[in-house]
Amino acid sequence: MMDELSILMPCYNSRCLDSVRRLQQLCERITHDAPEGFRYEIIVADDGSTDVDAMEQNKAIGQLKNCILLCKGQNTGSAATRNYLADHSRYRWLLFVDCDMQIPGMDFIMRYLSYDHYDVVNGGIAVGGEADPSNLRYRYEKQAEPLHTSDRCNARPYQQFRSTNFVISRQCFERCRFDERFTKSGYEDVHFGKLLGEAKANVLYISNPLMLCDFESNEAYLSKCERNLHTLHQFRSELQDYSPLLSLARRLRLVAPLMRLWHRLFGSWERRHLAGRHPSLFVFHLYRLGYLLCIR
């Protein structure tokens, strides 16, 4: 049984106070009920935010019991920020949670504590909020949700890793830190899954999801995807067996010149369509593939 936990939350331009209060409430319940004691801390690291209102609201985090707010001052990316959080924590077990997720139920923390015989336990995410077929991120995440069940992920634990919501032992994390060459958000968790595989870490996926309820605009999501694709291209040789998109590009290498021509001719139209009110997921997959193939 895990009797101590450092809850670590990277933050960039997000209001985290409500999430931290929720996590603290859950930990305080465990502390009150645990006969042998339970120790916890919640640490939020602001990665050089520029949203003044969010930063002002988050200042209250440091006034909460067992809660710490660290401000880095300069944006270095989520990989470096996760390492930074681990370096400033003190307990044997580390729970990483993303700041833009909602915490369902009253047993979110408790459900992790009995898995102390694993190196890593990943609780996953679920899509919540109101259905919005006009939102590209919502449609994509909803389509992908059945592919990320705990059973599917346990069949290929290192290829399915997402860093949104997972517990890891400090000993394992010291062997498998996030690679700080990933200075932009995107694919640093895929590479982390590869490191876990190389270390032969004992990884388990369970159904203990955080809820994804807030979805950025189609334009913002497309811009983020394009940034991520540049990262994927940069590290393509290392992520070849861990990215379905890279695997697809490899299978289609004989027709890659035609795919590049298609993207150069029709990519602008595809992007306008995806930024509109009726985005097609087929067009989205086609756009991502063409964009990746055209990166030089």
C-alpha atoms as a PDB file:
ATOM      1  CA  MET A   1       0.000   0.000   0.000  1.00  0.00           C
ATOM      2  CA  MET A   2       1.353   3.413  -0.939  1.00  0.00           C
ATOM      3  CA  ASP A   3       1.557   5.413   2.285  1.00  0.00           C
ATOM      4  CA  GLU A   4       3.023   8.588   0.771  1.00  0.00           C
ATOM      5  CA  LEU A   5       2.436  10.425  -2.475  1.00  0.00           C
ATOM      6  CA  SER A   6       3.760  13.497  -4.263  1.00  0.00           C
ATOM      7  CA  ILE A   7       1.112  14.847  -6.636  1.00  0.00           C
ATOM      8  CA  LEU A   8       2.838  16.793  -9.409  1.00  0.00           C
ATOM      9  CA  MET A   9       1.070  19.145 -11.808  1.00  0.00           C
ATOM     10  CA  PRO A  10       2.767  21.033 -14.647  1.00  0.00           C
ATOM     11  CA  CYS A  11       0.919  24.239 -15.487  1.00  0.00           C
ATOM     12  CA  TYR A  12       1.036  26.740 -18.336  1.00  0.00           C
ATOM     13  CA  ASN A  13      -1.520  29.545 -18.666  1.00  0.00           C
ATOM     14  CA  SER A  14      -4.143  27.528 -16.760  1.00  0.00           C
ATOM     15  CA  ARG A  15      -6.172  28.158 -13.625  1.00  0.00           C
ATOM     16  CA  CYS A  16      -5.302  25.216 -11.372  1.00  0.00           C
ATOM     17  CA  LEU A  17      -6.673  26.289  -7.995  1.00  0.00           C
ATOM     18  CA  ASP A  18      -9.931  24.314  -8.167  1.00  0.00           C
ATOM     19  CA  SER A  19      -8.146  21.128  -9.251  1.00  0.00           C
ATOM     20  CA  VAL A  20      -5.603  21.469  -6.455  1.00  0.00           C
ATOM     21  CA  ARG A  21      -8.353  22.007  -3.884  1.00  0.00           C
ATOM     22  CA  ARG A  22     -10.116  18.897  -5.161  1.00  0.00           C
ATOM     23  CA  LEU A  23      -6.955  16.780  -4.945  1.00  0.00           C
ATOM     24  CA  GLN A  24      -6.240  18.102  -1.457  1.00  0.00           C
ATOM     25  CA  GLN A  25      -9.759  17.211  -0.358  1.00  0.00           C
ATOM     26  CA  LEU A  26      -9.304  13.632  -1.557  1.00  0.00           C
ATOM     27  CA  CYS A  27      -5.926  13.317   0.177  1.00  0.00           C
ATOM     28  CA  GLU A  28      -7.243  14.744   3.437  1.00  0.00           C
ATOM     29  CA  ARG A  29     -10.001  12.116   3.467  1.00  0.00           C
ATOM     30  CA  ILE A  30      -7.406   9.362   3.095  1.00  0.00           C
ATOM     31  CA  THR A  31      -5.229  10.914   5.810  1.00  0.00           C
ATOM     32  CA  HIS A  32      -8.180  11.023   8.170  1.00  0.00           C
ATOM     33  CA  ASP A  33      -9.205   7.409   7.510  1.00  0.00           C
ATOM     34  CA  ALA A  34      -5.772   5.752   7.214  1.00  0.00           C
ATOM     35  CA  PRO A  35      -4.969   3.887  10.460  1.00  0.00           C
ATOM     36  CA  GLU A  36      -1.233   3.837   9.741  1.00  0.00           C
ATOM     37  CA  GLY A  37      -1.020   7.337   8.342  1.00  0.00           C
ATOM     38  CA  PHE A  38      -0.788   8.792   4.839  1.00  0.00           C
ATOM     39  CA  ARG A  39       1.531  11.598   3.792  1.00  0.00           C
ATOM     40  CA  TYR A  40       1.081  13.713   0.695  1.00  0.00           C
ATOM     41  CA  GLU A  41       2.136  16.897  -1.008  1.00  0.00           C
ATOM     42  CA  ILE A  42       0.759  18.681  -4.050  1.00  0.00           C
ATOM     43  CA  ILE A  43       3.242  20.645  -6.142  1.00  0.00           C
ATOM     44  CA  VAL A  44       2.293  22.838  -9.096  1.00  0.00           C
ATOM     45  CA  ALA A  45       5.050  24.123 -11.380  1.00  0.00           C
ATOM     46  CA  ASP A  46       4.195  27.148 -13.510  1.00  0.00           C
ATOM     47  CA  ASP A  47       6.203  26.813 -16.718  1.00  0.00           C
ATOM     48  CA  GLY A  48       6.672  30.498 -17.525  1.00  0.00           C
ATOM     49  CA  SER A  49       3.007  31.412 -17.959  1.00  0.00           C
ATOM     50  CA  THR A  50       2.015  34.678 -19.623  1.00  0.00           C
ATOM     51  CA  ASP A  51      -1.657  34.757 -18.544  1.00  0.00           C
ATOM     52  CA  VAL A  52      -1.585  37.301 -15.724  1.00  0.00           C
ATOM     53  CA  ASP A  53      -5.093  36.491 -14.456  1.00  0.00           C
ATOM     54  CA  ALA A  54      -4.339  32.761 -14.243  1.00  0.00           C
ATOM     55  CA  MET A  55      -1.061  33.425 -12.448  1.00  0.00           C
ATOM     56  CA  GLU A  56      -2.785  35.710  -9.941  1.00  0.00           C
ATOM     57  CA  GLN A  57      -5.470  33.149  -9.139  1.00  0.00           C
ATOM     58  CA  ASN A  58      -2.930  30.337  -8.792  1.00  0.00           C
ATOM     59  CA  LYS A  59      -1.037  32.236  -6.090  1.00  0.00           C
ATOM     60  CA  ALA A  60      -3.611  30.961  -3.593  1.00  0.00           C
ATOM     61  CA  ILE A  61      -2.304  27.412  -4.127  1.00  0.00           C
ATOM     62  CA  GLY A  62       0.691  28.165  -1.938  1.00  0.00           C
ATOM     63  CA  GLN A  63      -1.606  29.015   0.971  1.00  0.00           C
ATOM     64  CA  LEU A  64      -3.242  25.576   1.022  1.00  0.00           C
ATOM     65  CA  LYS A  65      -2.117  22.854   3.410  1.00  0.00           C
ATOM     66  CA  ASN A  66       0.603  20.590   1.956  1.00  0.00           C
ATOM     67  CA  CYS A  67       0.512  22.517  -1.331  1.00  0.00           C
ATOM     68  CA  ILE A  68       3.402  24.283  -3.082  1.00  0.00           C
ATOM     69  CA  LEU A  69       3.441  26.572  -6.122  1.00  0.00           C
ATOM     70  CA  LEU A  70       6.744  26.828  -7.991  1.00  0.00           C
ATOM     71  CA  CYS A  71       7.208  29.483 -10.679  1.00  0.00           C
ATOM     72  CA  LYS A  72       9.946  28.754 -13.179  1.00  0.00           C
ATOM     73  CA  GLY A  73       9.929  32.125 -14.907  1.00  0.00           C
ATOM     74  CA  GLN A  74      10.955  30.704 -18.284  1.00  0.00           C
ATOM     75  CA  ASN A  75       9.034  28.258 -20.441  1.00  0.00           C
ATOM     76  CA  THR A  76      11.074  25.088 -20.953  1.00  0.00           C
ATOM     77  CA  GLY A  77       8.374  22.613 -22.025  1.00  0.00           C
ATOM     78  CA  SER A  78       6.429  19.875 -20.278  1.00  0.00           C
ATOM     79  CA  ALA A  79       9.252  17.292 -20.332  1.00  0.00           C
ATOM     80  CA  ALA A  80      11.645  19.530 -18.395  1.00  0.00           C
ATOM     81  CA  THR A  81       8.838  20.697 -16.109  1.00  0.00           C
ATOM     82  CA  ARG A  82       7.936  17.139 -15.118  1.00  0.00           C
ATOM     83  CA  ASN A  83      11.575  16.444 -14.269  1.00  0.00           C
ATOM     84  CA  TYR A  84      11.685  19.710 -12.324  1.00  0.00           C
ATOM     85  CA  LEU A  85       8.615  18.695 -10.325  1.00  0.00           C
ATOM     86  CA  ALA A  86      10.096  15.293  -9.495  1.00  0.00           C
ATOM     87  CA  ASP A  87      13.349  16.937  -8.373  1.00  0.00           C
ATOM     88  CA  HIS A  88      11.423  19.177  -5.967  1.00  0.00           C
ATOM     89  CA  SER A  89       9.272  16.399  -4.509  1.00  0.00           C
ATOM     90  CA  ARG A  90      10.101  14.231  -1.505  1.00  0.00           C
ATOM     91  CA  TYR A  91       7.959  11.092  -1.395  1.00  0.00           C
ATOM     92  CA  ARG A  92       8.481   7.604  -2.840  1.00  0.00           C
ATOM     93  CA  TRP A  93       5.512   7.681  -5.206  1.00  0.00           C
ATOM     94  CA  LEU A  94       4.862  10.367  -7.822  1.00  0.00           C
ATOM     95  CA  LEU A  95       1.438  11.047  -9.318  1.00  0.00           C
ATOM     96  CA  PHE A  96       1.559  13.208 -12.436  1.00  0.00           C
ATOM     97  CA  VAL A  97      -1.707  14.888 -13.428  1.00  0.00           C
ATOM     98  CA  ASP A  98      -2.323  17.462 -16.152  1.00  0.00           C
ATOM     99  CA  CYS A  99      -3.764  20.767 -15.038  1.00  0.00           C
ATOM    100  CA  ASP A 100      -6.553  21.003 -17.635  1.00  0.00           C
ATOM    101  CA  MET A 101      -8.400  17.835 -16.572  1.00  0.00           C
ATOM    102  CA  GLN A 102     -11.314  17.306 -14.194  1.00  0.00           C
ATOM    103  CA  ILE A 103     -11.179  14.838 -11.302  1.00  0.00           C
ATOM    104  CA  PRO A 104     -14.279  12.625 -11.079  1.00  0.00           C
ATOM    105  CA  GLY A 105     -15.546  10.765  -8.035  1.00  0.00           C
ATOM    106  CA  MET A 106     -14.172  10.638  -4.511  1.00  0.00           C
ATOM    107  CA  ASP A 107     -11.858   7.628  -4.921  1.00  0.00           C
ATOM    108  CA  PHE A 108      -9.480   8.908  -7.619  1.00  0.00           C
ATOM    109  CA  ILE A 109      -6.437   8.953  -5.313  1.00  0.00           C
ATOM    110  CA  MET A 110      -7.507   5.929  -3.270  1.00  0.00           C
ATOM    111  CA  ARG A 111      -7.762   3.684  -6.327  1.00  0.00           C
ATOM    112  CA  TYR A 112      -4.050   4.073  -7.014  1.00  0.00           C
ATOM    113  CA  LEU A 113      -2.742   3.240  -3.552  1.00  0.00           C
ATOM    114  CA  SER A 114      -3.026  -0.561  -3.636  1.00  0.00           C
ATOM    115  CA  TYR A 115      -0.786  -0.933  -6.716  1.00  0.00           C
ATOM    116  CA  ASP A 116       2.540  -0.447  -4.974  1.00  0.00           C
ATOM    117  CA  HIS A 117       3.888  -3.693  -6.507  1.00  0.00           C
ATOM    118  CA  TYR A 118       4.061  -2.036  -9.953  1.00  0.00           C
ATOM    119  CA  ASP A 119       6.628   0.477 -11.186  1.00  0.00           C
ATOM    120  CA  VAL A 120       4.055   2.513 -13.109  1.00  0.00           C
ATOM    121  CA  VAL A 121       0.251   2.650 -12.973  1.00  0.00           C
ATOM    122  CA  ASN A 122      -1.577   4.646 -15.643  1.00  0.00           C
ATOM    123  CA  GLY A 123      -5.201   5.646 -15.020  1.00  0.00           C
ATOM    124  CA  GLY A 124      -5.908   7.074 -18.468  1.00  0.00           C
ATOM    125  CA  ILE A 125      -8.409   9.706 -19.529  1.00  0.00           C
ATOM    126  CA  ALA A 126     -12.070   9.782 -20.533  1.00  0.00           C
ATOM    127  CA  VAL A 127     -13.931  12.271 -22.680  1.00  0.00           C
ATOM    128  CA  GLY A 128     -16.537  14.251 -20.775  1.00  0.00           C
ATOM    129  CA  GLY A 129     -18.438  17.462 -21.237  1.00  0.00           C
ATOM    130  CA  GLU A 130     -21.274  18.106 -23.650  1.00  0.00           C
ATOM    131  CA  ALA A 131     -21.160  16.458 -27.084  1.00  0.00           C
ATOM    132  CA  ASP A 132     -20.003  18.969 -29.688  1.00  0.00           C
ATOM    133  CA  PRO A 133     -19.743  17.498 -33.194  1.00  0.00           C
ATOM    134  CA  SER A 134     -18.476  20.843 -34.500  1.00  0.00           C
ATOM    135  CA  ASN A 135     -15.349  20.655 -32.307  1.00  0.00           C
ATOM    136  CA  LEU A 136     -12.443  18.815 -33.929  1.00  0.00           C
ATOM    137  CA  ARG A 137     -10.656  17.928 -30.676  1.00  0.00           C
ATOM    138  CA  TYR A 138     -13.839  16.522 -29.171  1.00  0.00           C
ATOM    139  CA  ARG A 139     -14.567  14.407 -32.245  1.00  0.00           C
ATOM    140  CA  TYR A 140     -11.002  13.102 -32.442  1.00  0.00           C
ATOM    141  CA  GLU A 141     -10.751  12.204 -28.755  1.00  0.00           C
ATOM    142  CA  LYS A 142     -14.181  10.557 -28.800  1.00  0.00           C
ATOM    143  CA  GLN A 143     -13.235   8.428 -31.815  1.00  0.00           C
ATOM    144  CA  ALA A 144      -9.919   7.428 -30.201  1.00  0.00           C
ATOM    145  CA  GLU A 145     -11.405   6.639 -26.777  1.00  0.00           C
ATOM    146  CA  PRO A 146     -12.134   2.920 -27.492  1.00  0.00           C
ATOM    147  CA  LEU A 147      -8.500   2.463 -28.573  1.00  0.00           C
ATOM    148  CA  HIS A 148      -7.203   3.473 -25.135  1.00  0.00           C
ATOM    149  CA  THR A 149      -9.080   1.158 -22.795  1.00  0.00           C
ATOM    150  CA  SER A 150      -7.012  -0.448 -20.041  1.00  0.00           C
ATOM    151  CA  ASP A 151      -7.235  -3.876 -21.736  1.00  0.00           C
ATOM    152  CA  ARG A 152      -5.905  -2.543 -25.038  1.00  0.00           C
ATOM    153  CA  CYS A 153      -3.152  -0.564 -23.353  1.00  0.00           C
ATOM    154  CA  ASN A 154      -2.031  -3.508 -21.217  1.00  0.00           C
ATOM    155  CA  ALA A 155      -1.560  -5.525 -24.419  1.00  0.00           C
ATOM    156  CA  ARG A 156       1.066  -2.979 -25.578  1.00  0.00           C
ATOM    157  CA  PRO A 157       1.984  -1.030 -22.449  1.00  0.00           C
ATOM    158  CA  TYR A 158       5.008   0.836 -23.759  1.00  0.00           C
ATOM    159  CA  GLN A 159       3.474   1.885 -27.100  1.00  0.00           C
ATOM    160  CA  GLN A 160       0.262   3.266 -25.540  1.00  0.00           C
ATOM    161  CA  PHE A 161       1.708   5.548 -22.872  1.00  0.00           C
ATOM    162  CA  ARG A 162       0.144   8.954 -22.178  1.00  0.00           C
ATOM    163  CA  SER A 163       1.468  11.176 -19.404  1.00  0.00           C
ATOM    164  CA  THR A 164      -1.824  12.862 -18.476  1.00  0.00           C
ATOM    165  CA  ASN A 165      -2.499  10.743 -15.389  1.00  0.00           C
ATOM    166  CA  PHE A 166      -0.050   8.191 -13.982  1.00  0.00           C
ATOM    167  CA  VAL A 167       1.747   7.077 -10.821  1.00  0.00           C
ATOM    168  CA  ILE A 168       5.402   6.057 -10.910  1.00  0.00           C
ATOM    169  CA  SER A 169       7.841   5.000  -8.203  1.00  0.00           C
ATOM    170  CA  ARG A 170      10.678   7.417  -7.603  1.00  0.00           C
ATOM    171  CA  GLN A 171      13.165   4.617  -8.201  1.00  0.00           C
ATOM    172  CA  CYS A 172      11.713   3.957 -11.662  1.00  0.00           C
ATOM    173  CA  PHE A 173      11.503   7.650 -12.511  1.00  0.00           C
ATOM    174  CA  GLU A 174      15.175   8.119 -11.697  1.00  0.00           C
ATOM    175  CA  ARG A 175      15.924   5.490 -14.353  1.00  0.00           C
ATOM    176  CA  CYS A 176      13.441   6.884 -16.908  1.00  0.00           C
ATOM    177  CA  ARG A 177      13.317  10.658 -16.760  1.00  0.00           C
ATOM    178  CA  PHE A 178      11.580  12.666 -19.469  1.00  0.00           C
ATOM    179  CA  ASP A 179      13.899  13.583 -22.320  1.00  0.00           C
ATOM    180  CA  GLU A 180      14.411  17.354 -22.198  1.00  0.00           C
ATOM    181  CA  ARG A 181      15.258  17.537 -25.888  1.00  0.00           C
ATOM    182  CA  PHE A 182      11.467  17.665 -26.273  1.00  0.00           C
ATOM    183  CA  THR A 183      11.204  21.379 -25.630  1.00  0.00           C
ATOM    184  CA  LYS A 184       7.690  21.652 -27.079  1.00  0.00           C
ATOM    185  CA  SER A 185       4.616  19.783 -25.895  1.00  0.00           C
ATOM    186  CA  GLY A 186       3.940  16.670 -27.922  1.00  0.00           C
ATOM    187  CA  TYR A 187       5.370  13.143 -28.112  1.00  0.00           C
ATOM    188  CA  GLU A 188       7.535  13.465 -25.009  1.00  0.00           C
ATOM    189  CA  ASP A 189       5.208  10.928 -23.382  1.00  0.00           C
ATOM    190  CA  VAL A 190       5.537   8.574 -26.372  1.00  0.00           C
ATOM    191  CA  HIS A 191       9.304   8.691 -25.957  1.00  0.00           C
ATOM    192  CA  PHE A 192       8.893   8.176 -22.206  1.00  0.00           C
ATOM    193  CA  GLY A 193       6.954   4.974 -22.942  1.00  0.00           C
ATOM    194  CA  LYS A 194       9.881   3.805 -25.034  1.00  0.00           C
ATOM    195  CA  LEU A 195      12.266   4.462 -22.123  1.00  0.00           C
ATOM    196  CA  LEU A 196      10.008   2.451 -19.817  1.00  0.00           C
ATOM    197  CA  GLY A 197      10.203  -0.433 -22.260  1.00  0.00           C
ATOM    198  CA  GLU A 198      13.987  -0.261 -22.459  1.00  0.00           C
ATOM    199  CA  ALA A 199      14.129  -0.318 -18.650  1.00  0.00           C
ATOM    200  CA  LYS A 200      11.666  -3.255 -18.565  1.00  0.00           C
ATOM    201  CA  ALA A 201       9.478  -1.327 -16.142  1.00  0.00           C
ATOM    202  CA  ASN A 202       6.443  -3.143 -14.774  1.00  0.00           C
ATOM    203  CA  VAL A 203       3.565  -1.052 -16.174  1.00  0.00           C
ATOM    204  CA  LEU A 204      -0.150  -1.504 -15.502  1.00  0.00           C
ATOM    205  CA  TYR A 205      -3.127   0.360 -16.970  1.00  0.00           C
ATOM    206  CA  ILE A 206      -6.275   0.632 -14.856  1.00  0.00           C
ATOM    207  CA  SER A 207      -9.596   2.374 -15.312  1.00  0.00           C
ATOM    208  CA  ASN A 208      -9.110   5.463 -13.133  1.00  0.00           C
ATOM    209  CA  PRO A 209      -9.458   8.282 -15.648  1.00  0.00           C
ATOM    210  CA  LEU A 210      -9.270  11.999 -15.435  1.00  0.00           C
ATOM    211  CA  MET A 211     -11.956  13.733 -17.471  1.00  0.00           C
ATOM    212  CA  LEU A 212     -11.197  15.804 -20.552  1.00  0.00           C
ATOM    213  CA  CYS A 213     -14.033  18.342 -20.656  1.00  0.00           C
ATOM    214  CA  ASP A 214     -12.514  21.519 -22.095  1.00  0.00           C
ATOM    215  CA  PHE A 215     -11.761  21.573 -25.804  1.00  0.00           C
ATOM    216  CA  GLU A 216      -9.848  24.298 -27.593  1.00  0.00           C
ATOM    217  CA  SER A 217     -11.102  25.856 -30.824  1.00  0.00           C
ATOM    218  CA  ASN A 218     -10.521  24.018 -34.091  1.00  0.00           C
ATOM    219  CA  GLU A 219      -7.944  26.611 -35.174  1.00  0.00           C
ATOM    220  CA  ALA A 220      -6.014  26.322 -31.903  1.00  0.00           C
ATOM    221  CA  TYR A 221      -6.090  22.530 -32.040  1.00  0.00           C
ATOM    222  CA  LEU A 222      -4.823  22.470 -35.628  1.00  0.00           C
ATOM    223  CA  SER A 223      -1.946  24.776 -34.733  1.00  0.00           C
ATOM    224  CA  LYS A 224      -1.024  22.533 -31.794  1.00  0.00           C
ATOM    225  CA  CYS A 225      -1.163  19.426 -33.984  1.00  0.00           C
ATOM    226  CA  GLU A 226       1.133  21.063 -36.535  1.00  0.00           C
ATOM    227  CA  ARG A 227       3.664  21.908 -33.815  1.00  0.00           C
ATOM    228  CA  ASN A 228       3.474  18.336 -32.571  1.00  0.00           C
ATOM    229  CA  LEU A 229       4.056  16.983 -36.084  1.00  0.00           C
ATOM    230  CA  HIS A 230       7.293  18.972 -36.330  1.00  0.00           C
ATOM    231  CA  THR A 231       8.383  17.324 -33.068  1.00  0.00           C
ATOM    232  CA  LEU A 232       7.400  13.901 -34.416  1.00  0.00           C
ATOM    233  CA  HIS A 233       9.416  14.524 -37.580  1.00  0.00           C
ATOM    234  CA  GLN A 234      12.427  15.669 -35.558  1.00  0.00           C
ATOM    235  CA  PHE A 235      12.446  12.444 -33.509  1.00  0.00           C
ATOM    236  CA  ARG A 236      11.075  10.121 -36.201  1.00  0.00           C
ATOM    237  CA  SER A 237      14.000   7.692 -36.091  1.00  0.00           C
ATOM    238  CA  GLU A 238      13.564   7.149 -32.341  1.00  0.00           C
ATOM    239  CA  LEU A 239       9.762   6.942 -32.371  1.00  0.00           C
ATOM    240  CA  GLN A 240       9.335   4.796 -35.485  1.00  0.00           C
ATOM    241  CA  ASP A 241       7.814   1.808 -33.665  1.00  0.00           C
ATOM    242  CA  TYR A 242       5.830   3.939 -31.186  1.00  0.00           C
ATOM    243  CA  SER A 243       3.803   6.236 -33.458  1.00  0.00           C
ATOM    244  CA  PRO A 244       0.894   4.904 -35.560  1.00  0.00           C
ATOM    245  CA  LEU A 245       1.266   7.898 -37.875  1.00  0.00           C
ATOM    246  CA  LEU A 246       4.928   7.120 -38.548  1.00  0.00           C
ATOM    247  CA  SER A 247       4.032   3.470 -39.136  1.00  0.00           C
ATOM    248  CA  LEU A 248       1.362   4.507 -41.632  1.00  0.00           C
ATOM    249  CA  ALA A 249       3.786   6.817 -43.419  1.00  0.00           C
ATOM    250  CA  ARG A 250       6.271   3.955 -43.698  1.00  0.00           C
ATOM    251  CA  ARG A 251       3.642   1.589 -45.147  1.00  0.00           C
ATOM    252  CA  LEU A 252       2.688   4.223 -47.726  1.00  0.00           C
ATOM    253  CA  ARG A 253       6.230   5.193 -48.639  1.00  0.00           C
ATOM    254  CA  LEU A 254       5.772   4.068 -52.279  1.00  0.00           C
ATOM    255  CA  VAL A 255       2.965   6.579 -52.772  1.00  0.00           C
ATOM    256  CA  ALA A 256       4.534   9.284 -50.573  1.00  0.00           C
ATOM    257  CA  PRO A 257       5.320  11.534 -53.593  1.00  0.00           C
ATOM    258  CA  LEU A 258       1.626  11.517 -54.538  1.00  0.00           C
ATOM    259  CA  MET A 259       0.624  12.239 -50.940  1.00  0.00           C
ATOM    260  CA  ARG A 260       2.979  15.217 -50.862  1.00  0.00           C
ATOM    261  CA  LEU A 261       1.574  16.520 -54.143  1.00  0.00           C
ATOM    262  CA  TRP A 262      -1.972  16.126 -52.813  1.00  0.00           C
ATOM    263  CA  HIS A 263      -1.106  18.071 -49.666  1.00  0.00           C
ATOM    264  CA  ARG A 264       0.560  20.890 -51.592  1.00  0.00           C
ATOM    265  CA  LEU A 265      -2.478  21.182 -53.849  1.00  0.00           C
ATOM    266  CA  PHE A 266      -5.275  20.659 -51.350  1.00  0.00           C
ATOM    267  CA  GLY A 267      -3.752  21.084 -47.876  1.00  0.00           C
ATOM    268  CA  SER A 268      -4.957  24.695 -47.567  1.00  0.00           C
ATOM    269  CA  TRP A 269      -8.501  23.642 -48.421  1.00  0.00           C
ATOM    270  CA  GLU A 270      -8.318  20.757 -45.934  1.00  0.00           C
ATOM    271  CA  ARG A 271      -7.183  23.098 -43.187  1.00  0.00           C
ATOM    272  CA  ARG A 272      -9.999  25.590 -43.859  1.00  0.00           C
ATOM    273  CA  HIS A 273     -12.485  22.738 -43.763  1.00  0.00           C
ATOM    274  CA  LEU A 274     -11.080  21.435 -40.457  1.00  0.00           C
ATOM    275  CA  ALA A 275     -11.197  24.901 -38.900  1.00  0.00           C
ATOM    276  CA  GLY A 276     -14.877  25.200 -39.842  1.00  0.00           C
ATOM    277  CA  ARG A 277     -18.042  23.960 -38.203  1.00  0.00           C
ATOM    278  CA  HIS A 278     -18.266  20.520 -39.834  1.00  0.00           C
ATOM    279  CA  PRO A 279     -14.766  19.003 -39.633  1.00  0.00           C
ATOM    280  CA  SER A 280     -14.318  15.524 -41.061  1.00  0.00           C
ATOM    281  CA  LEU A 281     -12.073  13.117 -39.161  1.00  0.00           C
ATOM    282  CA  PHE A 282     -11.129  11.436 -42.436  1.00  0.00           C
ATOM    283  CA  VAL A 283      -9.888  14.787 -43.747  1.00  0.00           C
ATOM    284  CA  PHE A 284      -8.104  15.378 -40.420  1.00  0.00           C
ATOM    285  CA  HIS A 285      -6.169  12.108 -40.692  1.00  0.00           C
ATOM    286  CA  LEU A 286      -5.357  12.869 -44.329  1.00  0.00           C
ATOM    287  CA  TYR A 287      -4.176  16.373 -43.433  1.00  0.00           C
ATOM    288  CA  ARG A 288      -1.900  15.169 -40.634  1.00  0.00           C
ATOM    289  CA  LEU A 289      -0.295  12.536 -42.850  1.00  0.00           C
ATOM    290  CA  GLY A 290       0.272  14.987 -45.700  1.00  0.00           C
ATOM    291  CA  TYR A 291       1.611  17.664 -43.343  1.00  0.00           C
ATOM    292  CA  LEU A 292       4.088  15.210 -41.817  1.00  0.00           C
ATOM    293  CA  LEU A 293       5.308  14.015 -45.211  1.00  0.00           C
ATOM    294  CA  CYS A 294       5.892  17.577 -46.383  1.00  0.00           C
ATOM    295  CA  ILE A 295       8.075  18.612 -43.437  1.00  0.00           C
ATOM    296  CA  ARG A 296      11.702  19.127 -44.472  1.00  0.00           C
END
